[in-house]
């Protein structure tokens, strides 16, 4: 049976990449000529590091506590496990997979894709975010319950996420207020 592994140089690069945002490419090899390319997307969230590994048609993801001191080793272990088709035991600490909210995950994923229609994970409202990456930044459109907001975000994903999160939060609060007090917030 073959066992694909990262080279020492790749493990060294992952040490730096574990603290960055982006998609990084690594080759895993078995020493007998078999190799695969892994596209590893790392996203720094507020309290966690979201890692997605794509190898051919397979995709796996894991959420790690941002404060953990060995995340580079844990990411390398996860990449290796995905390449070899197994789930590593003991990779996650208790509750670590719940560090990223559904809203944060949805908004970060929308920015990562840079385009598309994304329905926000809200129990009581149906709000849609449309996003398109342009030359000057991300063109955004929020729509829900009769309210519409157009705005532009910078191309810097970290700043774009912070502003998008704040804008969505304010928009949702405004829609909820309008729903709670329909006589005060009348559409002319």
N, C-alpha and C. Protein backbone atom coordinates (compact mmCIF):
# COMPACT_ATOMS: atom_id res chain seq x y z
N UNK A 1 0.85 -1.18 0.00
CA UNK A 1 0.00 0.00 0.00
C UNK A 1 0.89 1.24 0.00
N UNK A 2 0.53 2.23 -0.81
CA UNK A 2 1.32 3.45 -0.88
C UNK A 2 0.85 4.44 0.18
N UNK A 3 1.79 5.26 0.63
CA UNK A 3 1.48 6.29 1.61
C UNK A 3 2.05 7.60 1.09
N UNK A 4 1.14 8.53 0.76
CA UNK A 4 1.54 9.83 0.25
C UNK A 4 1.90 10.75 1.42
N UNK A 5 3.00 11.50 1.26
CA UNK A 5 3.38 12.41 2.34
C UNK A 5 3.95 13.72 1.78
N UNK A 6 3.91 14.72 2.62
CA UNK A 6 4.48 16.03 2.28
C UNK A 6 5.99 16.00 2.45
N UNK A 7 6.67 16.76 1.63
CA UNK A 7 8.13 16.86 1.77
C UNK A 7 8.45 17.76 2.97
N UNK A 8 9.67 17.66 3.51
CA UNK A 8 10.06 18.57 4.60
C UNK A 8 9.95 20.04 4.20
N UNK A 9 10.24 20.35 2.93
CA UNK A 9 10.12 21.75 2.47
C UNK A 9 8.66 22.21 2.50
N UNK A 10 7.74 21.33 2.13
CA UNK A 10 6.31 21.67 2.17
C UNK A 10 5.87 21.90 3.60
N UNK A 11 6.32 21.06 4.51
CA UNK A 11 5.97 21.23 5.92
C UNK A 11 6.50 22.57 6.45
N UNK A 12 7.66 22.97 6.00
CA UNK A 12 8.24 24.26 6.39
C UNK A 12 7.38 25.41 5.87
N UNK A 13 6.93 25.30 4.61
CA UNK A 13 6.06 26.35 4.04
C UNK A 13 4.73 26.42 4.78
N UNK A 14 4.20 25.27 5.18
CA UNK A 14 2.93 25.25 5.91
C UNK A 14 3.07 25.96 7.25
N UNK A 15 4.24 25.94 7.84
CA UNK A 15 4.47 26.64 9.11
C UNK A 15 4.13 28.13 8.95
N UNK A 16 4.53 28.72 7.83
CA UNK A 16 4.23 30.13 7.56
C UNK A 16 2.78 30.29 7.10
N UNK A 17 2.33 29.41 6.22
CA UNK A 17 1.00 29.52 5.63
C UNK A 17 -0.12 29.37 6.66
N UNK A 18 0.14 28.67 7.76
CA UNK A 18 -0.88 28.44 8.78
C UNK A 18 -1.41 29.75 9.37
N UNK A 19 -0.65 30.83 9.28
CA UNK A 19 -1.08 32.12 9.80
C UNK A 19 -1.55 33.09 8.73
N UNK A 20 -1.70 32.61 7.50
CA UNK A 20 -2.09 33.47 6.38
C UNK A 20 -3.46 33.10 5.84
N UNK A 21 -4.01 33.96 4.97
CA UNK A 21 -5.19 33.65 4.19
C UNK A 21 -4.75 33.36 2.77
N UNK A 22 -5.36 32.38 2.14
CA UNK A 22 -5.05 32.13 0.74
C UNK A 22 -5.16 30.66 0.38
N UNK A 23 -4.89 30.40 -0.90
CA UNK A 23 -4.86 29.03 -1.41
C UNK A 23 -3.43 28.70 -1.76
N UNK A 24 -2.95 27.58 -1.24
CA UNK A 24 -1.57 27.16 -1.41
C UNK A 24 -1.56 25.76 -2.02
N UNK A 25 -0.59 25.51 -2.87
CA UNK A 25 -0.51 24.22 -3.56
C UNK A 25 0.68 23.42 -3.04
N UNK A 26 0.39 22.15 -2.73
CA UNK A 26 1.42 21.25 -2.21
C UNK A 26 1.33 19.92 -2.95
N UNK A 27 2.48 19.32 -3.18
CA UNK A 27 2.54 18.01 -3.80
C UNK A 27 2.87 16.98 -2.72
N UNK A 28 2.12 15.90 -2.72
CA UNK A 28 2.38 14.78 -1.83
C UNK A 28 2.86 13.62 -2.68
N UNK A 29 3.88 12.92 -2.23
CA UNK A 29 4.46 11.83 -3.02
C UNK A 29 4.70 10.62 -2.13
N UNK A 30 4.82 9.44 -2.77
CA UNK A 30 5.04 8.21 -2.01
C UNK A 30 6.47 7.69 -2.11
N UNK A 31 7.34 8.35 -2.86
CA UNK A 31 8.72 7.91 -3.01
C UNK A 31 8.93 6.92 -4.13
N UNK A 32 7.83 6.39 -4.69
CA UNK A 32 7.94 5.43 -5.79
C UNK A 32 7.42 6.02 -7.09
N UNK A 33 7.27 7.33 -7.12
CA UNK A 33 6.84 8.00 -8.36
C UNK A 33 5.39 8.43 -8.39
N UNK A 34 4.58 8.01 -7.44
CA UNK A 34 3.18 8.43 -7.38
C UNK A 34 3.10 9.75 -6.63
N UNK A 35 2.37 10.71 -7.18
CA UNK A 35 2.20 12.00 -6.49
C UNK A 35 0.84 12.59 -6.81
N UNK A 36 0.35 13.45 -5.91
CA UNK A 36 -0.91 14.17 -6.10
C UNK A 36 -0.69 15.62 -5.70
N UNK A 37 -1.46 16.48 -6.30
CA UNK A 37 -1.43 17.91 -5.99
C UNK A 37 -2.60 18.23 -5.08
N UNK A 38 -2.33 18.93 -3.99
CA UNK A 38 -3.37 19.36 -3.05
C UNK A 38 -3.45 20.88 -3.07
N UNK A 39 -4.66 21.40 -3.25
CA UNK A 39 -4.92 22.84 -3.14
C UNK A 39 -5.47 23.06 -1.73
N UNK A 40 -4.74 23.81 -0.92
CA UNK A 40 -5.09 24.01 0.49
C UNK A 40 -5.50 25.47 0.69
N UNK A 41 -6.76 25.68 1.04
CA UNK A 41 -7.24 27.03 1.31
C UNK A 41 -7.30 27.24 2.81
N UNK A 42 -6.63 28.28 3.26
CA UNK A 42 -6.59 28.61 4.69
C UNK A 42 -7.24 29.97 4.87
N UNK A 43 -8.19 30.03 5.78
CA UNK A 43 -8.92 31.27 6.05
C UNK A 43 -8.86 31.55 7.55
N UNK A 44 -8.29 32.70 7.92
CA UNK A 44 -8.21 33.10 9.32
C UNK A 44 -9.54 33.71 9.73
N UNK A 45 -10.26 33.07 10.61
CA UNK A 45 -11.53 33.58 11.11
C UNK A 45 -11.29 34.27 12.44
N UNK A 46 -12.34 34.76 13.07
CA UNK A 46 -12.16 35.48 14.33
C UNK A 46 -11.51 34.62 15.40
N UNK A 47 -12.03 33.42 15.60
CA UNK A 47 -11.51 32.56 16.66
C UNK A 47 -10.95 31.25 16.13
N UNK A 48 -10.96 31.08 14.83
CA UNK A 48 -10.57 29.79 14.27
C UNK A 48 -9.81 29.95 12.96
N UNK A 49 -9.25 28.85 12.52
CA UNK A 49 -8.61 28.75 11.21
C UNK A 49 -9.41 27.70 10.44
N UNK A 50 -10.00 28.12 9.33
CA UNK A 50 -10.76 27.19 8.49
C UNK A 50 -9.84 26.70 7.38
N UNK A 51 -9.73 25.37 7.24
CA UNK A 51 -8.83 24.76 6.26
C UNK A 51 -9.65 23.86 5.33
N UNK A 52 -9.48 24.06 4.03
CA UNK A 52 -10.13 23.21 3.03
C UNK A 52 -9.05 22.63 2.14
N UNK A 53 -9.11 21.32 1.94
CA UNK A 53 -8.14 20.62 1.10
C UNK A 53 -8.87 20.01 -0.09
N UNK A 54 -8.41 20.37 -1.29
CA UNK A 54 -8.97 19.80 -2.53
C UNK A 54 -7.90 18.97 -3.21
N UNK A 55 -8.23 17.71 -3.46
CA UNK A 55 -7.35 16.81 -4.20
C UNK A 55 -8.22 16.14 -5.25
N UNK A 56 -7.97 16.47 -6.51
CA UNK A 56 -8.78 15.98 -7.63
C UNK A 56 -10.25 16.33 -7.36
N UNK A 57 -11.14 15.33 -7.31
CA UNK A 57 -12.56 15.59 -7.09
C UNK A 57 -12.96 15.55 -5.61
N UNK A 58 -12.00 15.29 -4.75
CA UNK A 58 -12.30 15.18 -3.32
C UNK A 58 -12.03 16.50 -2.61
N UNK A 59 -12.91 16.83 -1.67
CA UNK A 59 -12.74 18.05 -0.88
C UNK A 59 -13.06 17.74 0.58
N UNK A 60 -12.18 18.16 1.49
CA UNK A 60 -12.41 17.99 2.91
C UNK A 60 -12.07 19.27 3.63
N UNK A 61 -12.73 19.52 4.76
CA UNK A 61 -12.44 20.74 5.50
C UNK A 61 -12.43 20.47 6.99
N UNK A 62 -11.72 21.33 7.70
CA UNK A 62 -11.61 21.23 9.14
C UNK A 62 -11.49 22.64 9.72
N UNK A 63 -11.98 22.82 10.95
CA UNK A 63 -11.88 24.09 11.66
C UNK A 63 -11.00 23.88 12.88
N UNK A 64 -9.97 24.69 13.00
CA UNK A 64 -9.01 24.57 14.10
C UNK A 64 -9.03 25.83 14.96
N UNK A 65 -8.79 25.66 16.24
CA UNK A 65 -8.72 26.79 17.16
C UNK A 65 -7.52 27.66 16.79
N UNK A 66 -7.75 28.92 16.60
CA UNK A 66 -6.69 29.84 16.16
C UNK A 66 -5.57 29.97 17.19
N UNK A 67 -5.88 29.74 18.47
CA UNK A 67 -4.89 29.90 19.53
C UNK A 67 -3.98 28.69 19.70
N UNK A 68 -4.30 27.60 19.03
CA UNK A 68 -3.50 26.38 19.18
C UNK A 68 -2.11 26.62 18.61
N UNK A 69 -1.08 26.23 19.34
CA UNK A 69 0.30 26.52 18.93
C UNK A 69 0.84 25.57 17.87
N UNK A 70 0.17 24.46 17.64
CA UNK A 70 0.67 23.46 16.68
C UNK A 70 -0.20 23.36 15.43
N UNK A 71 -0.86 24.45 15.03
CA UNK A 71 -1.75 24.38 13.87
C UNK A 71 -1.03 24.01 12.59
N UNK A 72 0.23 24.39 12.44
CA UNK A 72 0.95 24.01 11.22
C UNK A 72 1.08 22.49 11.13
N UNK A 73 1.37 21.82 12.23
CA UNK A 73 1.47 20.36 12.24
C UNK A 73 0.10 19.72 12.01
N UNK A 74 -0.92 20.32 12.59
CA UNK A 74 -2.28 19.80 12.45
C UNK A 74 -2.76 19.94 11.01
N UNK A 75 -2.42 21.07 10.37
CA UNK A 75 -2.80 21.26 8.97
C UNK A 75 -2.08 20.24 8.09
N UNK A 76 -0.79 20.05 8.32
CA UNK A 76 -0.02 19.07 7.54
C UNK A 76 -0.61 17.67 7.72
N UNK A 77 -0.99 17.34 8.94
CA UNK A 77 -1.60 16.04 9.22
C UNK A 77 -2.92 15.88 8.50
N UNK A 78 -3.71 16.96 8.46
CA UNK A 78 -5.00 16.90 7.77
C UNK A 78 -4.81 16.74 6.27
N UNK A 79 -3.87 17.46 5.69
CA UNK A 79 -3.58 17.33 4.25
C UNK A 79 -3.17 15.89 3.93
N UNK A 80 -2.28 15.34 4.73
CA UNK A 80 -1.81 13.97 4.52
C UNK A 80 -2.96 12.97 4.65
N UNK A 81 -3.82 13.17 5.63
CA UNK A 81 -4.95 12.25 5.81
C UNK A 81 -5.90 12.31 4.61
N UNK A 82 -6.13 13.50 4.08
CA UNK A 82 -7.02 13.63 2.93
C UNK A 82 -6.42 12.95 1.69
N UNK A 83 -5.11 13.08 1.52
CA UNK A 83 -4.44 12.46 0.37
C UNK A 83 -4.47 10.93 0.47
N UNK A 84 -4.45 10.41 1.69
CA UNK A 84 -4.40 8.96 1.90
C UNK A 84 -5.76 8.34 2.22
N UNK A 85 -6.81 9.17 2.24
CA UNK A 85 -8.16 8.65 2.38
C UNK A 85 -8.57 8.20 3.76
N UNK A 86 -8.07 8.82 4.80
CA UNK A 86 -8.51 8.47 6.15
C UNK A 86 -8.75 9.74 6.96
N UNK A 87 -9.47 9.59 8.07
CA UNK A 87 -9.71 10.71 8.97
C UNK A 87 -8.78 10.55 10.16
N UNK A 88 -7.96 11.54 10.44
CA UNK A 88 -7.01 11.41 11.55
C UNK A 88 -7.71 11.46 12.90
N UNK A 89 -7.35 10.58 13.79
CA UNK A 89 -7.93 10.61 15.13
C UNK A 89 -7.18 11.63 15.98
N UNK A 90 -7.90 12.27 16.88
CA UNK A 90 -7.27 13.22 17.80
C UNK A 90 -6.84 14.54 17.18
N UNK A 91 -7.31 14.84 15.98
CA UNK A 91 -6.90 16.09 15.33
C UNK A 91 -7.56 17.29 15.99
N UNK A 92 -8.84 17.16 16.35
CA UNK A 92 -9.60 18.28 16.89
C UNK A 92 -9.71 18.22 18.40
N UNK A 93 -9.68 19.39 19.03
CA UNK A 93 -9.99 19.50 20.44
C UNK A 93 -11.51 19.58 20.58
N UNK A 94 -12.03 19.30 21.76
CA UNK A 94 -13.47 19.32 21.99
C UNK A 94 -14.06 20.70 21.67
N UNK A 95 -15.13 20.74 20.87
CA UNK A 95 -15.83 21.97 20.54
C UNK A 95 -15.16 22.84 19.49
N UNK A 96 -14.02 22.41 19.00
CA UNK A 96 -13.25 23.22 18.06
C UNK A 96 -14.00 23.45 16.75
N UNK A 97 -14.79 22.47 16.35
CA UNK A 97 -15.52 22.58 15.09
C UNK A 97 -16.65 23.60 15.15
N UNK A 98 -16.97 24.13 16.33
CA UNK A 98 -18.06 25.09 16.48
C UNK A 98 -17.56 26.53 16.65
N UNK A 99 -16.27 26.77 16.41
CA UNK A 99 -15.71 28.10 16.62
C UNK A 99 -16.11 29.10 15.55
N UNK A 100 -16.52 28.64 14.39
CA UNK A 100 -16.92 29.53 13.30
C UNK A 100 -18.43 29.46 13.15
N UNK A 101 -19.09 30.61 13.24
CA UNK A 101 -20.55 30.63 13.10
C UNK A 101 -20.93 30.38 11.65
N UNK A 102 -22.18 29.98 11.44
CA UNK A 102 -22.67 29.77 10.08
C UNK A 102 -22.60 31.06 9.27
N UNK A 103 -22.89 32.19 9.93
CA UNK A 103 -22.85 33.47 9.22
C UNK A 103 -21.43 33.80 8.79
N UNK A 104 -20.46 33.66 9.70
CA UNK A 104 -19.08 33.95 9.35
C UNK A 104 -18.61 33.05 8.21
N UNK A 105 -18.96 31.78 8.29
CA UNK A 105 -18.58 30.83 7.26
C UNK A 105 -19.18 31.22 5.91
N UNK A 106 -20.45 31.59 5.89
CA UNK A 106 -21.14 31.97 4.65
C UNK A 106 -20.51 33.22 4.04
N UNK A 107 -20.25 34.23 4.87
CA UNK A 107 -19.70 35.49 4.34
C UNK A 107 -18.27 35.30 3.84
N UNK A 108 -17.46 34.56 4.58
CA UNK A 108 -16.08 34.31 4.14
C UNK A 108 -16.05 33.49 2.85
N UNK A 109 -16.95 32.51 2.76
CA UNK A 109 -17.03 31.69 1.55
C UNK A 109 -17.45 32.55 0.35
N UNK A 110 -18.40 33.45 0.55
CA UNK A 110 -18.85 34.34 -0.53
C UNK A 110 -17.69 35.20 -1.04
N UNK A 111 -16.90 35.75 -0.12
CA UNK A 111 -15.74 36.56 -0.53
C UNK A 111 -14.68 35.70 -1.21
N UNK A 112 -14.50 34.49 -0.73
CA UNK A 112 -13.52 33.60 -1.34
C UNK A 112 -13.91 33.28 -2.78
N UNK A 113 -15.20 33.03 -3.02
CA UNK A 113 -15.68 32.76 -4.38
C UNK A 113 -15.62 34.03 -5.24
N UNK A 114 -15.90 35.17 -4.62
CA UNK A 114 -15.83 36.44 -5.34
C UNK A 114 -17.00 36.71 -6.26
N UNK A 115 -18.02 35.87 -6.20
CA UNK A 115 -19.19 36.08 -7.05
C UNK A 115 -20.32 35.18 -6.56
N UNK A 116 -21.51 35.46 -7.07
CA UNK A 116 -22.63 34.56 -6.81
C UNK A 116 -23.69 35.13 -5.90
N UNK A 117 -24.72 34.33 -5.72
CA UNK A 117 -25.84 34.64 -4.86
C UNK A 117 -25.76 33.74 -3.63
N UNK A 118 -25.82 34.35 -2.46
CA UNK A 118 -25.65 33.61 -1.21
C UNK A 118 -26.79 33.97 -0.27
N UNK A 119 -27.52 32.96 0.19
CA UNK A 119 -28.61 33.17 1.13
C UNK A 119 -28.04 33.08 2.54
N UNK A 120 -28.31 34.10 3.34
CA UNK A 120 -27.72 34.18 4.67
C UNK A 120 -28.43 33.24 5.63
N UNK A 121 -27.67 32.57 6.50
CA UNK A 121 -28.26 31.58 7.41
C UNK A 121 -28.95 32.24 8.61
N UNK A 122 -30.17 32.70 8.37
CA UNK A 122 -30.97 33.34 9.42
C UNK A 122 -32.26 32.55 9.58
N UNK A 123 -32.66 32.28 10.81
CA UNK A 123 -33.87 31.49 11.04
C UNK A 123 -35.14 32.26 10.72
N UNK A 124 -35.15 33.55 11.02
CA UNK A 124 -36.38 34.32 10.95
C UNK A 124 -36.52 35.19 9.70
N UNK A 125 -35.47 35.34 8.91
CA UNK A 125 -35.50 36.22 7.75
C UNK A 125 -34.88 35.53 6.54
N UNK A 126 -35.32 35.93 5.37
CA UNK A 126 -34.69 35.46 4.14
C UNK A 126 -34.00 36.66 3.50
N UNK A 127 -32.68 36.69 3.62
CA UNK A 127 -31.88 37.79 3.07
C UNK A 127 -30.85 37.21 2.13
N UNK A 128 -30.73 37.86 0.99
CA UNK A 128 -29.85 37.37 -0.06
C UNK A 128 -28.70 38.36 -0.27
N UNK A 129 -27.48 37.83 -0.37
CA UNK A 129 -26.31 38.63 -0.69
C UNK A 129 -25.87 38.25 -2.10
N UNK A 130 -25.81 39.24 -2.97
CA UNK A 130 -25.25 39.03 -4.30
C UNK A 130 -23.92 39.75 -4.34
N UNK A 131 -22.93 39.08 -4.88
CA UNK A 131 -21.58 39.61 -4.82
C UNK A 131 -20.88 39.36 -6.16
N UNK A 132 -20.12 40.33 -6.59
CA UNK A 132 -19.35 40.19 -7.83
C UNK A 132 -18.04 40.94 -7.66
N UNK A 133 -16.95 40.25 -7.92
CA UNK A 133 -15.63 40.88 -7.83
C UNK A 133 -15.38 41.68 -9.09
N UNK A 134 -15.04 42.96 -8.92
CA UNK A 134 -14.74 43.83 -10.05
C UNK A 134 -13.35 44.42 -9.93
N UNK A 135 -13.00 45.29 -10.86
CA UNK A 135 -11.68 45.95 -10.84
C UNK A 135 -11.48 46.81 -9.61
N UNK A 136 -12.56 47.45 -9.15
CA UNK A 136 -12.46 48.40 -8.04
C UNK A 136 -12.81 47.79 -6.69
N UNK A 137 -13.22 46.56 -6.68
CA UNK A 137 -13.59 45.91 -5.42
C UNK A 137 -14.74 44.96 -5.62
N UNK A 138 -15.32 44.50 -4.53
CA UNK A 138 -16.48 43.61 -4.57
C UNK A 138 -17.74 44.46 -4.63
N UNK A 139 -18.53 44.28 -5.67
CA UNK A 139 -19.83 44.94 -5.77
C UNK A 139 -20.84 44.07 -5.05
N UNK A 140 -21.54 44.64 -4.06
CA UNK A 140 -22.44 43.86 -3.22
C UNK A 140 -23.85 44.42 -3.26
N UNK A 141 -24.78 43.51 -3.05
CA UNK A 141 -26.20 43.85 -3.07
C UNK A 141 -26.89 42.97 -2.02
N UNK A 142 -27.46 43.59 -1.00
CA UNK A 142 -28.25 42.87 0.00
C UNK A 142 -29.72 43.12 -0.28
N UNK A 143 -30.54 42.07 -0.21
CA UNK A 143 -31.96 42.19 -0.53
C UNK A 143 -32.75 41.28 0.40
N UNK A 144 -33.75 41.85 1.03
CA UNK A 144 -34.61 41.03 1.89
C UNK A 144 -35.74 41.82 2.50
N UNK A 145 -36.93 41.26 2.45
CA UNK A 145 -38.12 41.84 3.07
C UNK A 145 -38.37 43.28 2.65
N UNK A 146 -38.19 43.56 1.38
CA UNK A 146 -38.47 44.88 0.85
C UNK A 146 -37.35 45.89 1.01
N UNK A 147 -36.29 45.52 1.64
CA UNK A 147 -35.14 46.42 1.83
C UNK A 147 -34.02 46.00 0.88
N UNK A 148 -33.33 47.00 0.33
CA UNK A 148 -32.24 46.74 -0.61
C UNK A 148 -31.08 47.68 -0.26
N UNK A 149 -29.87 47.14 -0.35
CA UNK A 149 -28.69 47.94 -0.08
C UNK A 149 -27.60 47.56 -1.07
N UNK A 150 -27.04 48.57 -1.76
CA UNK A 150 -25.92 48.37 -2.65
C UNK A 150 -24.68 48.99 -2.01
N UNK A 151 -23.55 48.31 -2.10
CA UNK A 151 -22.30 48.86 -1.56
C UNK A 151 -21.12 48.16 -2.20
N UNK A 152 -19.95 48.76 -2.01
CA UNK A 152 -18.72 48.20 -2.56
C UNK A 152 -17.74 47.94 -1.42
N UNK A 153 -17.03 46.82 -1.54
CA UNK A 153 -16.00 46.45 -0.57
C UNK A 153 -14.64 46.49 -1.24
N UNK A 154 -13.60 46.72 -0.46
CA UNK A 154 -12.24 46.72 -1.01
C UNK A 154 -11.84 45.30 -1.42
N UNK A 155 -10.81 45.19 -2.22
CA UNK A 155 -10.33 43.88 -2.66
C UNK A 155 -9.52 43.16 -1.58
N UNK A 156 -9.11 43.87 -0.54
CA UNK A 156 -8.41 43.26 0.59
C UNK A 156 -9.42 42.43 1.38
N UNK A 157 -9.28 41.10 1.32
CA UNK A 157 -10.30 40.22 1.90
C UNK A 157 -10.49 40.40 3.40
N UNK A 158 -9.43 40.69 4.12
CA UNK A 158 -9.57 40.87 5.58
C UNK A 158 -10.43 42.09 5.88
N UNK A 159 -10.13 43.22 5.24
CA UNK A 159 -10.93 44.43 5.44
C UNK A 159 -12.32 44.26 4.86
N UNK A 160 -12.40 43.59 3.72
CA UNK A 160 -13.70 43.36 3.08
C UNK A 160 -14.60 42.54 4.00
N UNK A 161 -14.05 41.50 4.63
CA UNK A 161 -14.87 40.67 5.52
C UNK A 161 -15.38 41.49 6.70
N UNK A 162 -14.51 42.27 7.34
CA UNK A 162 -14.91 43.05 8.50
C UNK A 162 -16.04 44.01 8.14
N UNK A 163 -15.91 44.68 7.01
CA UNK A 163 -16.96 45.63 6.59
C UNK A 163 -18.23 44.90 6.18
N UNK A 164 -18.08 43.77 5.47
CA UNK A 164 -19.25 42.99 5.06
C UNK A 164 -20.02 42.50 6.29
N UNK A 165 -19.29 41.97 7.27
CA UNK A 165 -19.94 41.48 8.49
C UNK A 165 -20.72 42.60 9.17
N UNK A 166 -20.09 43.77 9.34
CA UNK A 166 -20.75 44.90 10.00
C UNK A 166 -21.96 45.39 9.19
N UNK A 167 -21.82 45.43 7.87
CA UNK A 167 -22.91 45.89 7.01
C UNK A 167 -24.09 44.93 7.07
N UNK A 168 -23.81 43.63 7.00
CA UNK A 168 -24.89 42.63 7.08
C UNK A 168 -25.57 42.71 8.43
N UNK A 169 -24.80 42.86 9.49
CA UNK A 169 -25.36 42.96 10.84
C UNK A 169 -26.31 44.15 10.95
N UNK A 170 -25.88 45.31 10.45
CA UNK A 170 -26.73 46.52 10.49
C UNK A 170 -27.97 46.35 9.62
N UNK A 171 -27.81 45.75 8.44
CA UNK A 171 -28.93 45.54 7.53
C UNK A 171 -29.97 44.62 8.18
N UNK A 172 -29.51 43.53 8.77
CA UNK A 172 -30.42 42.58 9.42
C UNK A 172 -31.14 43.25 10.59
N UNK A 173 -30.42 44.05 11.39
CA UNK A 173 -31.05 44.76 12.50
C UNK A 173 -32.12 45.71 11.98
N UNK A 174 -31.82 46.42 10.87
CA UNK A 174 -32.79 47.33 10.28
C UNK A 174 -34.04 46.61 9.78
N UNK A 175 -33.85 45.48 9.13
CA UNK A 175 -34.99 44.70 8.64
C UNK A 175 -35.83 44.20 9.82
N UNK A 176 -35.17 43.73 10.87
CA UNK A 176 -35.91 43.24 12.05
C UNK A 176 -36.70 44.36 12.72
N UNK A 177 -36.08 45.56 12.79
CA UNK A 177 -36.81 46.70 13.36
C UNK A 177 -38.02 47.07 12.51
N UNK A 178 -37.84 47.08 11.21
CA UNK A 178 -38.95 47.40 10.30
C UNK A 178 -40.07 46.37 10.43
N UNK A 179 -39.72 45.12 10.63
CA UNK A 179 -40.73 44.07 10.80
C UNK A 179 -41.44 44.23 12.15
N UNK A 180 -40.71 44.61 13.18
CA UNK A 180 -41.28 44.74 14.52
C UNK A 180 -42.17 45.98 14.65
N UNK A 181 -41.83 47.06 13.92
CA UNK A 181 -42.57 48.31 14.00
C UNK A 181 -42.99 48.77 12.60
N UNK A 182 -43.93 48.06 11.98
CA UNK A 182 -44.29 48.39 10.59
C UNK A 182 -44.93 49.77 10.44
N UNK A 183 -45.56 50.29 11.50
CA UNK A 183 -46.18 51.61 11.40
C UNK A 183 -45.13 52.73 11.41
N UNK A 184 -43.99 52.48 12.02
CA UNK A 184 -42.94 53.49 12.10
C UNK A 184 -42.13 53.52 10.82
N UNK A 185 -41.86 52.34 10.25
CA UNK A 185 -41.02 52.23 9.05
C UNK A 185 -41.89 51.92 7.84
N UNK A 186 -42.59 52.93 7.34
CA UNK A 186 -43.47 52.74 6.18
C UNK A 186 -42.71 53.05 4.90
N UNK A 187 -42.99 52.27 3.90
CA UNK A 187 -42.41 52.53 2.57
C UNK A 187 -43.35 53.48 1.86
N UNK A 188 -42.81 54.60 1.39
CA UNK A 188 -43.64 55.63 0.73
C UNK A 188 -44.00 55.22 -0.67
